[in-house]
Amino acid sequence: MSSVDKSGTYKLGDRSVRRLGYGAMQLAGKGVFGPPKDHDAAIAVLREAAAQGVNHIDTSDFYGPHVTNRLIREALAPYPDDLVIVTKIGARRGDDASWLRAYSPKELEQAVHDNLRNLGLEVLDVVNLRLMFDVHGPAEGSIEAPLTALAELQRKGLVRHIGLSNVTRTQIAEGRRICDIVCVQNQYNLAHRDDDALIDDLARDGTAYVPFFPLGGFSPLQSSTLSGVAKRLGATPMQVALAWLLRRSPNILLIPGTSSVVHLRENLAAAELELSGDVLRELDGVAKAA
């Protein structure tokens, strides 16, 4: 049994995926813009993820833009039957690498077709609508217009399932009145725990929760408690942070990203890490100290 197998599985739409997946964002250039520094290394990471049993890859055509999807296609097509590729729309990149809202029906339809073309697919497994009312975190605002446009693309057969990203409880409730929501993707990690109650509610509904920045993102997690636990367990702090997320709730699907095969293997090995009740209580204090 591989490390990834030991992470368990959970439902994502009408598919079952291993709870340790891979996020492709870091395969693009600096600032998630432009090509990778090492094209062959990026291809190697994707192929190693698949070889290790990863069957949930998270991406978007606005990474690069177009860079990560083309790399995924080059590395993995024709795709394994069990692979679920999740992408997101709702944003575009400016010439200066800025992140801009792209919510109009025309922009959303173009984004779906861009993802299909660059991934080499006829239908997208899961598309998350990435909300951009505030780039840095969830902010209130009606999602009826863009989500209705995305639901229409689903009815046309271009999209199988729909999720929401960077979203509030109010927006999830609004979204569920328009279409089925199979996953929620928000920032969440050992130190950033605003969604604790939401995760538990989604678990009761059987809805997947996919934390982005599970290791802190552009500001990596730094905690003396985390470092101390990792040293005692003979693991890296990042492995402990991922293992904690796997224990946090069964509906959490992880998509840690990296551009290094070595770091990829380290991340996937987190599924092998056992955390005792005492260690979990100690780690719970990281958020209180943050």
C-alpha atoms as a PDB file:
ATOM      1  CA  MET A   1       0.000   0.000   0.000  1.00  0.00           C
ATOM      2  CA  SER A   2       1.379   3.406  -0.985  1.00  0.00           C
ATOM      3  CA  SER A   3       1.425   6.450   1.269  1.00  0.00           C
ATOM      4  CA  VAL A   4      -1.368   7.998  -0.776  1.00  0.00           C
ATOM      5  CA  ASP A   5      -3.555   4.912  -0.256  1.00  0.00           C
ATOM      6  CA  LYS A   6      -3.172   5.330   3.496  1.00  0.00           C
ATOM      7  CA  SER A   7      -4.743   8.790   3.293  1.00  0.00           C
ATOM      8  CA  GLY A   8      -8.141   7.183   2.632  1.00  0.00           C
ATOM      9  CA  THR A   9     -10.746   8.254   0.106  1.00  0.00           C
ATOM     10  CA  TYR A  10     -13.708  10.622  -0.066  1.00  0.00           C
ATOM     11  CA  LYS A  11     -16.445  11.461  -2.534  1.00  0.00           C
ATOM     12  CA  LEU A  12     -15.887  14.291  -4.996  1.00  0.00           C
ATOM     13  CA  GLY A  13     -18.950  14.639  -7.178  1.00  0.00           C
ATOM     14  CA  ASP A  14     -19.752  11.143  -8.426  1.00  0.00           C
ATOM     15  CA  ARG A  15     -16.144   9.952  -8.060  1.00  0.00           C
ATOM     16  CA  SER A  16     -14.066   8.716  -5.157  1.00  0.00           C
ATOM     17  CA  VAL A  17     -10.594  10.241  -4.814  1.00  0.00           C
ATOM     18  CA  ARG A  18      -7.684   9.669  -2.472  1.00  0.00           C
ATOM     19  CA  ARG A  19      -7.578  12.345   0.200  1.00  0.00           C
ATOM     20  CA  LEU A  20      -3.989  13.300  -0.598  1.00  0.00           C
ATOM     21  CA  GLY A  21      -3.969  15.019  -3.972  1.00  0.00           C
ATOM     22  CA  TYR A  22      -1.780  17.553  -5.729  1.00  0.00           C
ATOM     23  CA  GLY A  23      -2.150  21.253  -6.472  1.00  0.00           C
ATOM     24  CA  ALA A  24      -0.479  22.397  -9.688  1.00  0.00           C
ATOM     25  CA  MET A  25      -0.212  26.140  -8.973  1.00  0.00           C
ATOM     26  CA  GLN A  26       3.504  26.068  -8.121  1.00  0.00           C
ATOM     27  CA  LEU A  27       4.384  24.580 -11.506  1.00  0.00           C
ATOM     28  CA  ALA A  28       3.964  27.981 -13.146  1.00  0.00           C
ATOM     29  CA  GLY A  29       6.631  30.667 -12.958  1.00  0.00           C
ATOM     30  CA  LYS A  30       7.269  33.146 -10.154  1.00  0.00           C
ATOM     31  CA  GLY A  31       4.037  34.691  -8.910  1.00  0.00           C
ATOM     32  CA  VAL A  32       2.103  31.920 -10.713  1.00  0.00           C
ATOM     33  CA  PHE A  33       2.911  33.748 -13.962  1.00  0.00           C
ATOM     34  CA  GLY A  34       4.792  32.565 -16.995  1.00  0.00           C
ATOM     35  CA  PRO A  35       6.494  29.227 -17.656  1.00  0.00           C
ATOM     36  CA  PRO A  36       8.239  27.096 -15.040  1.00  0.00           C
ATOM     37  CA  LYS A  37      11.899  27.652 -14.331  1.00  0.00           C
ATOM     38  CA  ASP A  38      12.507  23.974 -15.172  1.00  0.00           C
ATOM     39  CA  HIS A  39      10.027  22.462 -17.626  1.00  0.00           C
ATOM     40  CA  ASP A  40      11.338  18.898 -17.312  1.00  0.00           C
ATOM     41  CA  ALA A  41      11.209  19.048 -13.520  1.00  0.00           C
ATOM     42  CA  ALA A  42       7.552  20.148 -13.685  1.00  0.00           C
ATOM     43  CA  ILE A  43       6.706  17.201 -15.940  1.00  0.00           C
ATOM     44  CA  ALA A  44       8.564  14.865 -13.575  1.00  0.00           C
ATOM     45  CA  VAL A  45       6.562  16.074 -10.564  1.00  0.00           C
ATOM     46  CA  LEU A  46       3.245  15.420 -12.296  1.00  0.00           C
ATOM     47  CA  ARG A  47       4.292  11.963 -13.457  1.00  0.00           C
ATOM     48  CA  GLU A  48       5.609  11.075 -10.008  1.00  0.00           C
ATOM     49  CA  ALA A  49       2.335  12.192  -8.399  1.00  0.00           C
ATOM     50  CA  ALA A  50       0.397   9.894 -10.711  1.00  0.00           C
ATOM     51  CA  ALA A  51       2.867   7.050 -10.145  1.00  0.00           C
ATOM     52  CA  GLN A  52       2.409   7.431  -6.383  1.00  0.00           C
ATOM     53  CA  GLY A  53      -1.362   7.027  -6.736  1.00  0.00           C
ATOM     54  CA  VAL A  54      -2.535  10.633  -6.680  1.00  0.00           C
ATOM     55  CA  ASN A  55      -5.871  10.771  -8.526  1.00  0.00           C
ATOM     56  CA  HIS A  56      -7.030  14.309  -7.636  1.00  0.00           C
ATOM     57  CA  ILE A  57      -5.185  17.205  -9.290  1.00  0.00           C
ATOM     58  CA  ASP A  58      -6.206  20.811  -8.744  1.00  0.00           C
ATOM     59  CA  THR A  59      -5.402  23.399 -11.402  1.00  0.00           C
ATOM     60  CA  SER A  60      -6.692  26.418 -13.309  1.00  0.00           C
ATOM     61  CA  ASP A  61      -6.125  27.917 -16.721  1.00  0.00           C
ATOM     62  CA  PHE A  62      -5.346  31.251 -15.053  1.00  0.00           C
ATOM     63  CA  TYR A  63      -2.213  29.684 -13.546  1.00  0.00           C
ATOM     64  CA  GLY A  64       0.422  30.973 -15.917  1.00  0.00           C
ATOM     65  CA  PRO A  65      -2.003  31.643 -17.632  1.00  0.00           C
ATOM     66  CA  HIS A  66      -2.439  28.374 -19.562  1.00  0.00           C
ATOM     67  CA  VAL A  67       0.871  27.007 -18.240  1.00  0.00           C
ATOM     68  CA  THR A  68      -0.142  24.376 -15.674  1.00  0.00           C
ATOM     69  CA  ASN A  69      -2.946  22.887 -17.775  1.00  0.00           C
ATOM     70  CA  ARG A  70      -0.636  22.410 -20.739  1.00  0.00           C
ATOM     71  CA  LEU A  71       1.949  20.786 -18.490  1.00  0.00           C
ATOM     72  CA  ILE A  72      -0.682  18.429 -17.064  1.00  0.00           C
ATOM     73  CA  ARG A  73      -1.745  17.418 -20.556  1.00  0.00           C
ATOM     74  CA  GLU A  74       1.838  16.889 -21.702  1.00  0.00           C
ATOM     75  CA  ALA A  75       2.735  14.842 -18.627  1.00  0.00           C
ATOM     76  CA  LEU A  76      -0.362  12.720 -18.118  1.00  0.00           C
ATOM     77  CA  ALA A  77      -2.531  12.471 -21.260  1.00  0.00           C
ATOM     78  CA  PRO A  78      -4.066  10.098 -22.101  1.00  0.00           C
ATOM     79  CA  TYR A  79      -5.316  10.366 -18.531  1.00  0.00           C
ATOM     80  CA  PRO A  80      -5.738   7.426 -16.127  1.00  0.00           C
ATOM     81  CA  ASP A  81      -9.390   6.409 -15.804  1.00  0.00           C
ATOM     82  CA  ASP A  82      -9.494   7.254 -12.091  1.00  0.00           C
ATOM     83  CA  LEU A  83      -7.904  10.715 -12.373  1.00  0.00           C
ATOM     84  CA  VAL A  84     -10.135  13.647 -11.381  1.00  0.00           C
ATOM     85  CA  ILE A  85      -8.911  17.049 -12.566  1.00  0.00           C
ATOM     86  CA  VAL A  86     -10.499  19.981 -10.759  1.00  0.00           C
ATOM     87  CA  THR A  87     -10.137  23.446 -12.214  1.00  0.00           C
ATOM     88  CA  LYS A  88     -11.438  26.896 -11.336  1.00  0.00           C
ATOM     89  CA  ILE A  89     -12.747  29.916 -13.215  1.00  0.00           C
ATOM     90  CA  GLY A  90     -13.823  33.427 -12.269  1.00  0.00           C
ATOM     91  CA  ALA A  91     -10.505  35.223 -12.614  1.00  0.00           C
ATOM     92  CA  ARG A  92      -8.023  36.185 -15.312  1.00  0.00           C
ATOM     93  CA  ARG A  93      -4.488  37.524 -15.322  1.00  0.00           C
ATOM     94  CA  GLY A  94      -3.485  40.996 -16.356  1.00  0.00           C
ATOM     95  CA  ASP A  95      -0.378  41.634 -18.446  1.00  0.00           C
ATOM     96  CA  ASP A  96       1.282  42.778 -15.226  1.00  0.00           C
ATOM     97  CA  ALA A  97       0.451  39.417 -13.534  1.00  0.00           C
ATOM     98  CA  SER A  98      -2.415  40.983 -11.571  1.00  0.00           C
ATOM     99  CA  TRP A  99      -5.460  38.894 -10.602  1.00  0.00           C
ATOM    100  CA  LEU A 100      -8.652  40.303 -12.132  1.00  0.00           C
ATOM    101  CA  ARG A 101     -12.295  39.315 -11.768  1.00  0.00           C
ATOM    102  CA  ALA A 102     -13.794  37.554 -14.810  1.00  0.00           C
ATOM    103  CA  TYR A 103     -17.447  36.947 -13.965  1.00  0.00           C
ATOM    104  CA  SER A 104     -19.413  37.762 -17.111  1.00  0.00           C
ATOM    105  CA  PRO A 105     -21.152  34.863 -18.903  1.00  0.00           C
ATOM    106  CA  LYS A 106     -18.857  35.393 -21.895  1.00  0.00           C
ATOM    107  CA  GLU A 107     -15.715  35.310 -19.715  1.00  0.00           C
ATOM    108  CA  LEU A 108     -16.876  32.218 -17.835  1.00  0.00           C
ATOM    109  CA  GLU A 109     -17.718  30.359 -21.035  1.00  0.00           C
ATOM    110  CA  GLN A 110     -14.352  31.322 -22.529  1.00  0.00           C
ATOM    111  CA  ALA A 111     -12.604  30.089 -19.378  1.00  0.00           C
ATOM    112  CA  VAL A 112     -14.353  26.712 -19.570  1.00  0.00           C
ATOM    113  CA  HIS A 113     -13.353  26.314 -23.212  1.00  0.00           C
ATOM    114  CA  ASP A 114      -9.764  27.383 -22.430  1.00  0.00           C
ATOM    115  CA  ASN A 115      -9.557  24.711 -19.718  1.00  0.00           C
ATOM    116  CA  LEU A 116     -11.034  22.069 -22.023  1.00  0.00           C
ATOM    117  CA  ARG A 117      -8.651  22.913 -24.849  1.00  0.00           C
ATOM    118  CA  ASN A 118      -5.472  23.143 -22.788  1.00  0.00           C
ATOM    119  CA  LEU A 119      -6.221  20.025 -20.742  1.00  0.00           C
ATOM    120  CA  GLY A 120      -7.332  18.116 -23.828  1.00  0.00           C
ATOM    121  CA  LEU A 121     -10.716  17.160 -22.374  1.00  0.00           C
ATOM    122  CA  GLU A 122     -14.267  17.076 -23.733  1.00  0.00           C
ATOM    123  CA  VAL A 123     -15.828  17.682 -20.312  1.00  0.00           C
ATOM    124  CA  LEU A 124     -14.411  19.068 -17.062  1.00  0.00           C
ATOM    125  CA  ASP A 125     -14.864  16.832 -13.985  1.00  0.00           C
ATOM    126  CA  VAL A 126     -15.259  19.652 -11.452  1.00  0.00           C
ATOM    127  CA  VAL A 127     -15.184  23.420 -11.944  1.00  0.00           C
ATOM    128  CA  ASN A 128     -14.912  25.709  -8.940  1.00  0.00           C
ATOM    129  CA  LEU A 129     -16.257  29.239  -9.264  1.00  0.00           C
ATOM    130  CA  ARG A 130     -13.492  31.330  -7.682  1.00  0.00           C
ATOM    131  CA  LEU A 131     -15.081  34.342  -6.000  1.00  0.00           C
ATOM    132  CA  MET A 132     -13.165  37.594  -6.312  1.00  0.00           C
ATOM    133  CA  PHE A 133     -15.104  40.066  -4.160  1.00  0.00           C
ATOM    134  CA  ASP A 134     -11.865  40.199  -2.156  1.00  0.00           C
ATOM    135  CA  VAL A 135      -8.708  38.590  -3.537  1.00  0.00           C
ATOM    136  CA  HIS A 136      -7.351  37.944  -0.042  1.00  0.00           C
ATOM    137  CA  GLY A 137     -10.302  36.094   1.473  1.00  0.00           C
ATOM    138  CA  PRO A 138     -14.059  35.474   1.423  1.00  0.00           C
ATOM    139  CA  ALA A 139     -16.260  38.577   1.208  1.00  0.00           C
ATOM    140  CA  GLU A 140     -20.010  38.881   0.847  1.00  0.00           C
ATOM    141  CA  GLY A 141     -21.666  39.495  -2.495  1.00  0.00           C
ATOM    142  CA  SER A 142     -24.284  37.771  -4.593  1.00  0.00           C
ATOM    143  CA  ILE A 143     -23.023  34.903  -6.738  1.00  0.00           C
ATOM    144  CA  GLU A 144     -26.325  34.315  -8.534  1.00  0.00           C
ATOM    145  CA  ALA A 145     -25.316  35.744 -11.918  1.00  0.00           C
ATOM    146  CA  PRO A 146     -21.934  34.007 -12.396  1.00  0.00           C
ATOM    147  CA  LEU A 147     -23.077  30.719 -10.859  1.00  0.00           C
ATOM    148  CA  THR A 148     -26.193  30.658 -13.044  1.00  0.00           C
ATOM    149  CA  ALA A 149     -23.931  31.102 -16.093  1.00  0.00           C
ATOM    150  CA  LEU A 150     -21.706  28.231 -14.912  1.00  0.00           C
ATOM    151  CA  ALA A 151     -24.753  26.029 -14.237  1.00  0.00           C
ATOM    152  CA  GLU A 152     -25.857  26.665 -17.836  1.00  0.00           C
ATOM    153  CA  LEU A 153     -22.479  25.365 -19.070  1.00  0.00           C
ATOM    154  CA  GLN A 154     -23.075  22.307 -16.887  1.00  0.00           C
ATOM    155  CA  ARG A 155     -26.452  21.777 -18.537  1.00  0.00           C
ATOM    156  CA  LYS A 156     -24.718  21.955 -21.927  1.00  0.00           C
ATOM    157  CA  GLY A 157     -22.520  19.022 -20.874  1.00  0.00           C
ATOM    158  CA  LEU A 158     -19.213  20.900 -20.642  1.00  0.00           C
ATOM    159  CA  VAL A 159     -18.972  20.582 -16.840  1.00  0.00           C
ATOM    160  CA  ARG A 160     -19.900  17.565 -14.700  1.00  0.00           C
ATOM    161  CA  HIS A 161     -19.826  19.092 -11.212  1.00  0.00           C
ATOM    162  CA  ILE A 162     -19.588  22.549  -9.646  1.00  0.00           C
ATOM    163  CA  GLY A 163     -17.814  23.781  -6.531  1.00  0.00           C
ATOM    164  CA  LEU A 164     -17.141  27.145  -4.900  1.00  0.00           C
ATOM    165  CA  SER A 165     -13.860  28.758  -3.865  1.00  0.00           C
ATOM    166  CA  ASN A 166     -13.079  31.689  -1.538  1.00  0.00           C
ATOM    167  CA  VAL A 167     -16.657  31.624  -0.318  1.00  0.00           C
ATOM    168  CA  THR A 168     -18.827  32.509   2.700  1.00  0.00           C
ATOM    169  CA  ARG A 169     -21.619  30.497   4.317  1.00  0.00           C
ATOM    170  CA  THR A 170     -24.190  32.873   2.818  1.00  0.00           C
ATOM    171  CA  GLN A 171     -22.785  32.312  -0.666  1.00  0.00           C
ATOM    172  CA  ILE A 172     -22.806  28.525  -0.210  1.00  0.00           C
ATOM    173  CA  ALA A 173     -26.492  28.679   0.738  1.00  0.00           C
ATOM    174  CA  GLU A 174     -27.219  30.923  -2.252  1.00  0.00           C
ATOM    175  CA  GLY A 175     -25.272  28.597  -4.525  1.00  0.00           C
ATOM    176  CA  ARG A 176     -27.163  25.506  -3.385  1.00  0.00           C
ATOM    177  CA  ARG A 177     -30.403  27.120  -4.511  1.00  0.00           C
ATOM    178  CA  ILE A 178     -28.966  27.289  -8.042  1.00  0.00           C
ATOM    179  CA  CYS A 179     -27.153  23.953  -8.433  1.00  0.00           C
ATOM    180  CA  ASP A 180     -25.523  21.117  -6.500  1.00  0.00           C
ATOM    181  CA  ILE A 181     -22.266  22.169  -4.831  1.00  0.00           C
ATOM    182  CA  VAL A 182     -19.887  19.219  -4.551  1.00  0.00           C
ATOM    183  CA  CYS A 183     -16.942  20.946  -2.851  1.00  0.00           C
ATOM    184  CA  VAL A 184     -15.831  24.119  -1.112  1.00  0.00           C
ATOM    185  CA  GLN A 185     -12.287  25.414  -1.450  1.00  0.00           C
ATOM    186  CA  ASN A 186     -11.149  27.993   1.106  1.00  0.00           C
ATOM    187  CA  GLN A 187      -7.965  28.906   2.923  1.00  0.00           C
ATOM    188  CA  TYR A 188      -7.520  26.672   5.948  1.00  0.00           C
ATOM    189  CA  ASN A 189      -4.553  25.255   7.819  1.00  0.00           C
ATOM    190  CA  LEU A 190      -3.230  24.581  11.292  1.00  0.00           C
ATOM    191  CA  ALA A 191      -2.968  28.301  12.070  1.00  0.00           C
ATOM    192  CA  HIS A 192      -5.809  29.709   9.940  1.00  0.00           C
ATOM    193  CA  ARG A 193      -8.986  28.062  11.218  1.00  0.00           C
ATOM    194  CA  ASP A 194     -11.849  30.448  10.428  1.00  0.00           C
ATOM    195  CA  ASP A 195     -13.757  27.602   8.728  1.00  0.00           C
ATOM    196  CA  ASP A 196     -13.768  25.134  11.640  1.00  0.00           C
ATOM    197  CA  ALA A 197     -17.554  25.129  12.035  1.00  0.00           C
ATOM    198  CA  LEU A 198     -18.148  25.210   8.262  1.00  0.00           C
ATOM    199  CA  ILE A 199     -15.990  22.110   7.743  1.00  0.00           C
ATOM    200  CA  ASP A 200     -18.035  20.194  10.291  1.00  0.00           C
ATOM    201  CA  ASP A 201     -21.308  21.296   8.670  1.00  0.00           C
ATOM    202  CA  LEU A 202     -20.091  20.267   5.221  1.00  0.00           C
ATOM    203  CA  ALA A 203     -18.966  16.893   6.590  1.00  0.00           C
ATOM    204  CA  ARG A 204     -22.486  16.250   7.852  1.00  0.00           C
ATOM    205  CA  ASP A 205     -23.780  17.076   4.344  1.00  0.00           C
ATOM    206  CA  GLY A 206     -21.221  14.791   2.671  1.00  0.00           C
ATOM    207  CA  THR A 207     -19.583  17.739   0.898  1.00  0.00           C
ATOM    208  CA  ALA A 208     -15.818  17.797   0.310  1.00  0.00           C
ATOM    209  CA  TYR A 209     -13.747  20.639   1.766  1.00  0.00           C
ATOM    210  CA  VAL A 210     -10.474  21.404  -0.022  1.00  0.00           C
ATOM    211  CA  PRO A 211      -8.173  23.734   1.938  1.00  0.00           C
ATOM    212  CA  PHE A 212      -5.907  25.882  -0.174  1.00  0.00           C
ATOM    213  CA  PHE A 213      -2.645  27.051   1.335  1.00  0.00           C
ATOM    214  CA  PRO A 214      -2.644  23.951   3.613  1.00  0.00           C
ATOM    215  CA  LEU A 215       0.979  24.753   4.432  1.00  0.00           C
ATOM    216  CA  GLY A 216       0.520  28.527   4.678  1.00  0.00           C
ATOM    217  CA  GLY A 217       0.871  29.428   0.996  1.00  0.00           C
ATOM    218  CA  PHE A 218       3.039  32.433   0.232  1.00  0.00           C
ATOM    219  CA  SER A 219       3.770  32.779   3.984  1.00  0.00           C
ATOM    220  CA  PRO A 220       4.739  29.252   5.107  1.00  0.00           C
ATOM    221  CA  LEU A 221       3.576  28.074   8.503  1.00  0.00           C
ATOM    222  CA  GLN A 222       6.057  28.946  11.253  1.00  0.00           C
ATOM    223  CA  SER A 223       5.430  27.687  14.775  1.00  0.00           C
ATOM    224  CA  SER A 224       7.756  26.536  17.522  1.00  0.00           C
ATOM    225  CA  THR A 225       5.056  24.072  18.601  1.00  0.00           C
ATOM    226  CA  LEU A 226       4.814  22.627  15.098  1.00  0.00           C
ATOM    227  CA  SER A 227       8.611  22.424  14.786  1.00  0.00           C
ATOM    228  CA  GLY A 228       8.875  20.768  18.198  1.00  0.00           C
ATOM    229  CA  VAL A 229       6.283  18.119  17.377  1.00  0.00           C
ATOM    230  CA  ALA A 230       7.936  17.435  14.028  1.00  0.00           C
ATOM    231  CA  LYS A 231      11.347  16.963  15.663  1.00  0.00           C
ATOM    232  CA  ARG A 232       9.944  14.484  18.206  1.00  0.00           C
ATOM    233  CA  LEU A 233       8.189  12.500  15.471  1.00  0.00           C
ATOM    234  CA  GLY A 234      11.169  12.501  13.100  1.00  0.00           C
ATOM    235  CA  ALA A 235       9.111  14.319  10.472  1.00  0.00           C
ATOM    236  CA  THR A 236       9.121  17.705   8.776  1.00  0.00           C
ATOM    237  CA  PRO A 237       6.834  20.480  10.051  1.00  0.00           C
ATOM    238  CA  MET A 238       4.974  20.365   6.732  1.00  0.00           C
ATOM    239  CA  GLN A 239       4.337  16.631   7.100  1.00  0.00           C
ATOM    240  CA  VAL A 240       2.892  17.212  10.557  1.00  0.00           C
ATOM    241  CA  ALA A 241       0.680  20.052   9.280  1.00  0.00           C
ATOM    242  CA  LEU A 242      -0.681  17.811   6.503  1.00  0.00           C
ATOM    243  CA  ALA A 243      -1.177  14.857   8.853  1.00  0.00           C
ATOM    244  CA  TRP A 244      -3.129  17.133  11.193  1.00  0.00           C
ATOM    245  CA  LEU A 245      -5.427  18.161   8.326  1.00  0.00           C
ATOM    246  CA  LEU A 246      -6.058  14.506   7.431  1.00  0.00           C
ATOM    247  CA  ARG A 247      -7.076  13.881  11.031  1.00  0.00           C
ATOM    248  CA  ARG A 248      -9.128  17.075  11.295  1.00  0.00           C
ATOM    249  CA  SER A 249     -12.160  15.815   9.323  1.00  0.00           C
ATOM    250  CA  PRO A 250     -12.832  12.950   6.885  1.00  0.00           C
ATOM    251  CA  ASN A 251     -14.230  15.316   4.225  1.00  0.00           C
ATOM    252  CA  ILE A 252     -10.964  17.256   3.902  1.00  0.00           C
ATOM    253  CA  LEU A 253      -9.143  16.655   0.604  1.00  0.00           C
ATOM    254  CA  LEU A 254      -5.570  17.909   0.477  1.00  0.00           C
ATOM    255  CA  ILE A 255      -3.879  19.462  -2.562  1.00  0.00           C
ATOM    256  CA  PRO A 256      -0.386  20.508  -1.379  1.00  0.00           C
ATOM    257  CA  GLY A 257       1.656  21.923  -4.223  1.00  0.00           C
ATOM    258  CA  THR A 258       5.343  21.751  -5.015  1.00  0.00           C
ATOM    259  CA  SER A 259       7.669  21.955  -7.999  1.00  0.00           C
ATOM    260  CA  SER A 260      10.076  19.386  -6.507  1.00  0.00           C
ATOM    261  CA  VAL A 261       9.826  15.588  -6.696  1.00  0.00           C
ATOM    262  CA  VAL A 262      11.619  15.333  -3.344  1.00  0.00           C
ATOM    263  CA  HIS A 263       9.118  17.642  -1.652  1.00  0.00           C
ATOM    264  CA  LEU A 264       6.233  15.861  -3.369  1.00  0.00           C
ATOM    265  CA  ARG A 265       7.332  12.547  -1.861  1.00  0.00           C
ATOM    266  CA  GLU A 266       7.705  14.196   1.540  1.00  0.00           C
ATOM    267  CA  ASN A 267       4.195  15.631   1.319  1.00  0.00           C
ATOM    268  CA  LEU A 268       2.651  12.303   0.313  1.00  0.00           C
ATOM    269  CA  ALA A 269       4.455  10.520   3.138  1.00  0.00           C
ATOM    270  CA  ALA A 270       2.425  12.623   5.596  1.00  0.00           C
ATOM    271  CA  ALA A 271      -0.333  10.010   5.297  1.00  0.00           C
ATOM    272  CA  GLU A 272       1.951   7.562   7.127  1.00  0.00           C
ATOM    273  CA  LEU A 273       2.323   9.838  10.145  1.00  0.00           C
ATOM    274  CA  GLU A 274       0.468   8.855  13.318  1.00  0.00           C
ATOM    275  CA  LEU A 275      -0.596  11.679  15.630  1.00  0.00           C
ATOM    276  CA  SER A 276      -1.583  10.796  19.186  1.00  0.00           C
ATOM    277  CA  GLY A 277      -4.377  12.523  21.057  1.00  0.00           C
ATOM    278  CA  ASP A 278      -1.812  14.446  23.100  1.00  0.00           C
ATOM    279  CA  VAL A 279      -0.057  15.647  19.955  1.00  0.00           C
ATOM    280  CA  LEU A 280      -3.350  16.716  18.381  1.00  0.00           C
ATOM    281  CA  ARG A 281      -4.235  18.742  21.480  1.00  0.00           C
ATOM    282  CA  GLU A 282      -0.782  20.334  21.404  1.00  0.00           C
ATOM    283  CA  LEU A 283      -1.183  21.260  17.736  1.00  0.00           C
ATOM    284  CA  ASP A 284      -4.617  22.711  18.364  1.00  0.00           C
ATOM    285  CA  GLY A 285      -2.860  25.385  20.376  1.00  0.00           C
ATOM    286  CA  VAL A 286      -1.071  26.695  17.266  1.00  0.00           C
ATOM    287  CA  ALA A 287      -4.213  28.482  16.065  1.00  0.00           C
ATOM    288  CA  LYS A 288      -4.791  30.048  19.501  1.00  0.00           C
ATOM    289  CA  ALA A 289      -1.266  31.453  19.455  1.00  0.00           C
ATOM    290  CA  ALA A 290      -1.500  32.715  15.870  1.00  0.00           C
END
